[in-house]
Amino acid sequence: MQLTADIFGLPAERPHTYETSGLGAAIDAAVGLGLHPDFDTAVTAMTRTGRVFEPNPEASALYQRLYREVYQDMYPRLQPLYKKIREITGYPR
């Protein structure tokens, strides 16, 4: 979560539970059964924020620099290799 906050330069919120798949199913059921009139209401009633991770300014600056100076140049340079991989493996079609 800290890495996500640092990369995007935004706070990242962890849900109050680790069992988010089960919670999503419970929210679906609650709306389906009419316990909540819609998903927005159900989500508001049934979830809450756990820990909030604030971006580290130094780490965020590092990731922004890497993105600008390295990662944006990577795809055009790797594109010919991606094409060769597709020719050799047939994937992706």
C-alpha atoms as a PDB file:
ATOM      1  CA  MET A   1       0.000   0.000   0.000  1.00  0.00           C
ATOM      2  CA  GLN A   2       2.868   2.357   0.733  1.00  0.00           C
ATOM      3  CA  LEU A   3       4.324   1.658  -2.699  1.00  0.00           C
ATOM      4  CA  THR A   4       0.976   2.490  -4.328  1.00  0.00           C
ATOM      5  CA  ALA A   5       0.765   5.766  -2.407  1.00  0.00           C
ATOM      6  CA  ASP A   6       4.329   6.654  -3.367  1.00  0.00           C
ATOM      7  CA  ILE A   7       3.967   5.803  -7.066  1.00  0.00           C
ATOM      8  CA  PHE A   8       0.731   7.721  -7.571  1.00  0.00           C
ATOM      9  CA  GLY A   9       1.519  10.505  -5.094  1.00  0.00           C
ATOM     10  CA  LEU A  10      -1.873  10.015  -3.440  1.00  0.00           C
ATOM     11  CA  PRO A  11      -3.089   8.553  -0.158  1.00  0.00           C
ATOM     12  CA  ALA A  12      -3.903   4.843  -0.447  1.00  0.00           C
ATOM     13  CA  GLU A  13      -6.605   3.468   1.833  1.00  0.00           C
ATOM     14  CA  ARG A  14      -6.640  -0.113   3.047  1.00  0.00           C
ATOM     15  CA  PRO A  15     -10.109  -1.563   3.622  1.00  0.00           C
ATOM     16  CA  HIS A  16     -11.090  -2.447   7.166  1.00  0.00           C
ATOM     17  CA  THR A  17     -11.111  -6.166   6.286  1.00  0.00           C
ATOM     18  CA  TYR A  18      -8.830  -8.487   4.365  1.00  0.00           C
ATOM     19  CA  GLU A  19     -11.822 -10.563   3.239  1.00  0.00           C
ATOM     20  CA  THR A  20     -12.876  -8.166   0.507  1.00  0.00           C
ATOM     21  CA  SER A  21     -14.226 -10.868  -1.828  1.00  0.00           C
ATOM     22  CA  GLY A  22     -16.652 -12.045   0.834  1.00  0.00           C
ATOM     23  CA  LEU A  23     -17.573  -8.452   1.644  1.00  0.00           C
ATOM     24  CA  GLY A  24     -18.299  -7.762  -2.027  1.00  0.00           C
ATOM     25  CA  ALA A  25     -20.555 -10.818  -2.168  1.00  0.00           C
ATOM     26  CA  ALA A  26     -22.330  -9.653   0.994  1.00  0.00           C
ATOM     27  CA  ILE A  27     -22.863  -6.205  -0.532  1.00  0.00           C
ATOM     28  CA  ASP A  28     -24.307  -7.811  -3.679  1.00  0.00           C
ATOM     29  CA  ALA A  29     -26.627  -9.951  -1.550  1.00  0.00           C
ATOM     30  CA  ALA A  30     -27.725  -7.003   0.588  1.00  0.00           C
ATOM     31  CA  VAL A  31     -28.705  -5.004  -2.496  1.00  0.00           C
ATOM     32  CA  GLY A  32     -30.326  -8.047  -4.118  1.00  0.00           C
ATOM     33  CA  LEU A  33     -32.404  -8.739  -1.012  1.00  0.00           C
ATOM     34  CA  GLY A  34     -33.452  -5.113  -0.742  1.00  0.00           C
ATOM     35  CA  LEU A  35     -31.624  -4.529   2.549  1.00  0.00           C
ATOM     36  CA  HIS A  36     -30.033  -1.505   0.852  1.00  0.00           C
ATOM     37  CA  PRO A  37     -31.635   0.367  -2.050  1.00  0.00           C
ATOM     38  CA  ASP A  38     -28.465   0.577  -4.153  1.00  0.00           C
ATOM     39  CA  PHE A  39     -24.766  -0.236  -4.190  1.00  0.00           C
ATOM     40  CA  ASP A  40     -23.611   3.213  -3.086  1.00  0.00           C
ATOM     41  CA  THR A  41     -25.766   2.986   0.042  1.00  0.00           C
ATOM     42  CA  ALA A  42     -24.661  -0.589   0.743  1.00  0.00           C
ATOM     43  CA  VAL A  43     -20.977   0.230   0.328  1.00  0.00           C
ATOM     44  CA  THR A  44     -21.290   3.263   2.600  1.00  0.00           C
ATOM     45  CA  ALA A  45     -23.071   1.218   5.274  1.00  0.00           C
ATOM     46  CA  MET A  46     -20.994  -1.934   5.048  1.00  0.00           C
ATOM     47  CA  THR A  47     -17.412  -0.726   4.586  1.00  0.00           C
ATOM     48  CA  ARG A  48     -14.981   1.562   6.289  1.00  0.00           C
ATOM     49  CA  THR A  49     -11.406   2.617   5.801  1.00  0.00           C
ATOM     50  CA  GLY A  50      -8.681   0.831   7.693  1.00  0.00           C
ATOM     51  CA  ARG A  51      -5.181   2.235   7.560  1.00  0.00           C
ATOM     52  CA  VAL A  52      -4.361   5.169   5.265  1.00  0.00           C
ATOM     53  CA  PHE A  53      -0.910   5.307   3.685  1.00  0.00           C
ATOM     54  CA  GLU A  54       0.314   8.812   2.861  1.00  0.00           C
ATOM     55  CA  PRO A  55       2.822   9.233   0.027  1.00  0.00           C
ATOM     56  CA  ASN A  56       6.429   9.778   0.985  1.00  0.00           C
ATOM     57  CA  PRO A  57       7.448  12.916  -0.967  1.00  0.00           C
ATOM     58  CA  GLU A  58      11.010  11.722  -1.594  1.00  0.00           C
ATOM     59  CA  ALA A  59       9.869   8.311  -2.857  1.00  0.00           C
ATOM     60  CA  SER A  60       7.142   9.922  -4.987  1.00  0.00           C
ATOM     61  CA  ALA A  61       9.686  12.242  -6.591  1.00  0.00           C
ATOM     62  CA  LEU A  62      11.943   9.260  -7.343  1.00  0.00           C
ATOM     63  CA  TYR A  63       9.105   7.301  -8.982  1.00  0.00           C
ATOM     64  CA  GLN A  64       8.034  10.330 -11.027  1.00  0.00           C
ATOM     65  CA  ARG A  65      11.571  10.792 -12.277  1.00  0.00           C
ATOM     66  CA  LEU A  66      11.866   7.094 -13.168  1.00  0.00           C
ATOM     67  CA  TYR A  67       8.581   7.306 -15.058  1.00  0.00           C
ATOM     68  CA  ARG A  68       9.585  10.406 -17.019  1.00  0.00           C
ATOM     69  CA  GLU A  69      13.200   9.509 -17.717  1.00  0.00           C
ATOM     70  CA  VAL A  70      13.052   5.703 -18.065  1.00  0.00           C
ATOM     71  CA  TYR A  71       9.663   4.016 -18.262  1.00  0.00           C
ATOM     72  CA  GLN A  72       8.169   6.291 -20.939  1.00  0.00           C
ATOM     73  CA  ASP A  73      11.071   5.379 -23.219  1.00  0.00           C
ATOM     74  CA  MET A  74      10.905   1.648 -22.539  1.00  0.00           C
ATOM     75  CA  TYR A  75       7.857   0.621 -24.582  1.00  0.00           C
ATOM     76  CA  PRO A  76       9.003   2.075 -27.913  1.00  0.00           C
ATOM     77  CA  ARG A  77      12.368   0.372 -27.443  1.00  0.00           C
ATOM     78  CA  LEU A  78      10.824  -2.949 -26.422  1.00  0.00           C
ATOM     79  CA  GLN A  79       8.054  -2.966 -29.048  1.00  0.00           C
ATOM     80  CA  PRO A  80      10.182  -4.736 -31.711  1.00  0.00           C
ATOM     81  CA  LEU A  81      11.052  -7.433 -29.164  1.00  0.00           C
ATOM     82  CA  TYR A  82       7.370  -7.843 -28.250  1.00  0.00           C
ATOM     83  CA  LYS A  83       6.645  -8.420 -31.949  1.00  0.00           C
ATOM     84  CA  LYS A  84       9.374 -11.080 -32.139  1.00  0.00           C
ATOM     85  CA  ILE A  85       7.947 -12.799 -29.048  1.00  0.00           C
ATOM     86  CA  ARG A  86       4.536 -12.865 -30.746  1.00  0.00           C
ATOM     87  CA  GLU A  87       6.067 -14.255 -33.959  1.00  0.00           C
ATOM     88  CA  ILE A  88       7.848 -17.016 -32.032  1.00  0.00           C
ATOM     89  CA  THR A  89       5.076 -17.948 -29.580  1.00  0.00           C
ATOM     90  CA  GLY A  90       1.915 -16.864 -31.338  1.00  0.00           C
ATOM     91  CA  TYR A  91       0.908 -14.989 -28.210  1.00  0.00           C
ATOM     92  CA  PRO A  92      -0.831 -12.654 -27.956  1.00  0.00           C
ATOM     93  CA  ARG A  93      -2.830 -13.158 -31.121  1.00  0.00           C
END
